[in-house]
Protein backbone atom coordinates (compact mmCIF):
# COMPACT_ATOMS: atom_id res chain seq x y z
CA MET A 1 -0.11 -0.07 0.00
CA ASN A 2 2.66 2.46 1.03
CA TYR A 3 4.78 1.65 -2.12
CA LYS A 4 1.75 2.44 -4.36
CA ILE A 5 1.14 5.77 -2.81
CA MET A 6 4.92 6.70 -2.89
CA LYS A 7 5.02 5.62 -6.46
CA ILE A 8 2.08 7.89 -7.37
CA VAL A 9 3.58 10.85 -5.27
CA ILE A 10 7.09 10.56 -7.17
CA THR A 11 5.25 10.42 -10.59
CA PHE A 12 3.03 13.27 -9.85
CA THR A 13 6.08 15.30 -8.72
CA ILE A 14 8.15 14.56 -11.76
CA LEU A 15 5.17 15.37 -13.94
CA LEU A 16 4.52 18.77 -12.20
CA ALA A 17 8.47 19.65 -12.44
CA VAL A 18 8.27 18.96 -16.17
CA LEU A 19 5.31 20.97 -16.68
CA ILE A 20 6.63 23.87 -14.78
CA THR A 21 10.16 23.97 -16.31
CA ALA A 22 9.04 23.02 -19.82
CA PRO A 23 8.05 26.71 -21.05
CA PHE A 24 11.38 28.04 -19.91
CA GLU A 25 13.40 25.55 -21.58
CA GLN A 26 11.65 26.17 -24.81
CA ALA A 27 12.08 30.06 -24.45
CA LYS A 28 15.86 29.52 -23.98
CA ALA A 29 16.03 27.15 -26.97
CA GLY A 30 13.99 29.63 -29.23
CA GLU A 31 16.05 32.61 -28.47
CA VAL A 32 18.68 33.84 -30.82
CA LYS A 33 20.74 36.63 -29.65
CA VAL A 34 22.19 38.54 -32.90
CA LEU A 35 22.24 42.18 -31.92
CA PRO A 36 24.88 43.75 -29.75
CA SER A 37 23.59 45.88 -26.92
CA HIS A 38 23.75 49.74 -27.64
CA SER A 39 23.92 49.29 -31.41
CA VAL A 40 22.91 51.96 -33.58
CA ILE A 41 19.82 51.15 -36.04
CA TYR A 42 17.93 52.95 -38.65
CA ILE A 43 14.30 52.21 -39.25
CA THR A 44 13.09 52.64 -42.68
CA PRO A 45 9.84 54.28 -43.32
CA MET A 46 6.77 51.73 -43.27
CA GLU A 47 3.12 51.73 -44.26
CA GLY A 48 0.80 53.46 -41.76
CA GLY A 49 3.69 55.14 -39.88
CA LEU A 50 4.63 51.76 -38.17
CA HIS A 51 8.27 53.13 -38.14
CA GLU A 52 7.35 55.98 -35.86
CA PHE A 53 5.38 53.62 -33.35
CA LEU A 54 8.53 51.24 -33.56
CA ARG A 55 10.76 54.22 -32.58
CA SER A 56 8.66 55.13 -29.46
CA GLU A 57 8.09 51.68 -28.43
CA ILE A 58 11.84 51.15 -28.35
CA PHE A 59 12.21 54.04 -25.80
CA LYS A 60 9.15 53.04 -23.86
CA LYS A 61 10.39 49.57 -23.29
CA LYS A 62 13.94 50.97 -22.66
CA VAL A 63 15.62 48.68 -25.38
CA PRO A 64 19.33 49.36 -25.16
CA LEU A 65 19.47 50.58 -28.82
CA SER A 66 20.40 53.99 -30.35
CA ILE A 67 18.14 54.97 -33.31
CA ALA A 68 19.78 56.95 -36.25
CA LEU A 69 17.64 59.37 -38.23
CA LYS A 70 19.78 58.71 -41.35
CA GLU A 71 20.64 55.39 -42.86
CA LYS A 72 24.41 56.34 -43.25
CA ASP A 73 24.74 56.86 -39.42
CA ALA A 74 23.56 53.21 -38.63
CA ASP A 75 25.08 49.72 -38.37
CA TYR A 76 21.93 47.93 -38.70
CA ILE A 77 18.78 48.55 -40.63
CA LEU A 78 15.30 47.60 -39.42
CA THR A 79 12.93 47.21 -42.55
CA GLY A 80 9.60 45.86 -43.17
CA THR A 81 6.08 46.13 -44.27
CA MET A 82 2.54 46.35 -42.76
CA VAL A 83 -0.67 45.03 -44.19
CA GLN A 84 -4.14 46.39 -43.08
CA LYS A 85 -6.89 43.94 -43.71
CA GLY A 86 -10.32 45.46 -44.30
CA SER A 87 -13.51 44.08 -42.80
CA THR A 88 -16.16 42.30 -44.73
CA GLY A 89 -18.71 44.53 -43.28
CA LYS A 90 -21.23 41.88 -42.42
CA TRP A 91 -23.43 42.76 -39.60
CA TYR A 92 -23.23 39.26 -38.00
CA HIS A 93 -19.49 39.39 -37.65
CA TRP A 94 -19.71 42.09 -34.89
CA LEU A 95 -22.72 40.19 -33.28
CA VAL A 96 -20.95 36.91 -32.96
CA GLY A 97 -17.36 38.27 -32.49
CA ALA A 98 -16.01 36.87 -35.74
CA ALA A 99 -14.22 40.16 -36.42
CA GLY A 100 -12.20 39.90 -33.22
CA ARG A 101 -10.82 36.36 -34.33
CA ALA A 102 -8.83 37.64 -37.29
CA ASP A 103 -5.76 40.20 -37.45
CA SER A 104 -6.94 43.50 -38.69
CA SER A 105 -3.22 44.39 -39.38
CA GLN A 106 -0.09 42.31 -39.84
CA ALA A 107 3.62 43.22 -40.06
CA SER A 108 6.77 41.56 -41.11
CA VAL A 109 10.17 43.10 -40.20
CA SER A 110 13.70 42.13 -40.94
CA LEU A 111 16.84 43.27 -39.25
CA ILE A 112 19.88 43.69 -41.78
CA LYS A 113 23.49 44.30 -41.01
CA LYS A 114 24.44 47.35 -43.10
CA GLY A 115 27.93 46.67 -44.39
CA SER A 116 27.54 43.04 -45.46
CA ARG A 117 23.70 43.52 -46.27
CA THR A 118 23.33 40.08 -44.07
CA LEU A 119 19.87 39.09 -42.69
CA LEU A 120 20.16 38.77 -39.00
CA TRP A 121 16.77 38.42 -37.84
CA SER A 122 13.16 38.51 -39.16
CA SER A 123 9.65 38.18 -37.57
CA SER A 124 6.09 38.70 -38.29
CA VAL A 125 3.35 39.60 -35.92
CA GLY A 126 -0.46 40.28 -36.01
CA ASP A 127 -2.47 42.48 -33.87
CA ARG A 128 -5.24 40.16 -32.79
CA SER A 129 -5.61 39.39 -29.06
CA PHE A 130 -6.53 35.77 -28.50
CA TRP A 131 -8.22 36.20 -25.26
CA TRP A 132 -9.88 39.69 -25.66
CA GLY A 133 -10.78 39.87 -29.25
CA MET A 134 -12.36 43.01 -30.20
CA LEU A 135 -11.78 44.66 -26.67
CA LYS A 136 -7.94 44.96 -27.09
CA ARG A 137 -6.04 47.69 -28.63
CA LYS A 138 -5.22 46.82 -32.40
CA GLY A 139 -3.32 48.67 -35.24
CA GLU A 140 0.08 49.94 -35.45
CA ARG A 141 0.68 50.45 -31.94
CA LYS A 142 -0.03 46.93 -31.00
CA LEU A 143 2.19 45.60 -33.99
CA ALA A 144 4.99 47.85 -32.70
CA GLN A 145 4.73 46.53 -29.13
CA ARG A 146 4.91 43.01 -30.32
CA ILE A 147 7.82 43.52 -32.76
CA VAL A 148 9.97 45.48 -30.07
CA ALA A 149 9.25 42.71 -27.41
CA LYS A 150 10.59 40.17 -29.88
CA LEU A 151 13.54 42.39 -30.92
CA LYS A 152 14.60 42.96 -27.16
CA LYS A 153 14.87 39.30 -26.95
CA THR A 154 17.69 39.31 -29.77
CA ILE A 155 19.97 41.77 -27.89
CA ILE A 156 23.46 40.33 -26.69
CA ARG A 157 23.97 41.85 -23.21
């Protein structure tokens, strides 16, 4: 009897430890550090003024990067594109919340080393909120928040 209980407790403890540590191990494995801290980057103009939102978000999140206003002064270039999707305009999409299930804006960005024109990092994001749907902020600001959060993980400290 005691052996069975001890076996169940040990199995449960091991399972709990694996479930707790698995997300952290995945995060470590997925991180690629390619951008030196305090690098100078130039953000190319993007549709919808996304570049302006990216600039302000880099300062807001205190990312250790300097932003050059001219391409010639930078070591790295952040370039990208943004696509805004229009709504189908169906009255029932708002009623049943289908409009909140799809991205209204998507962006794709790439970080390029200026001298060698080498692609160092690339990412794409959408502005949809999984849990809150239509109630959460969308558009360029949300895209910039997500891009900068991902960019911050690539910085070598």
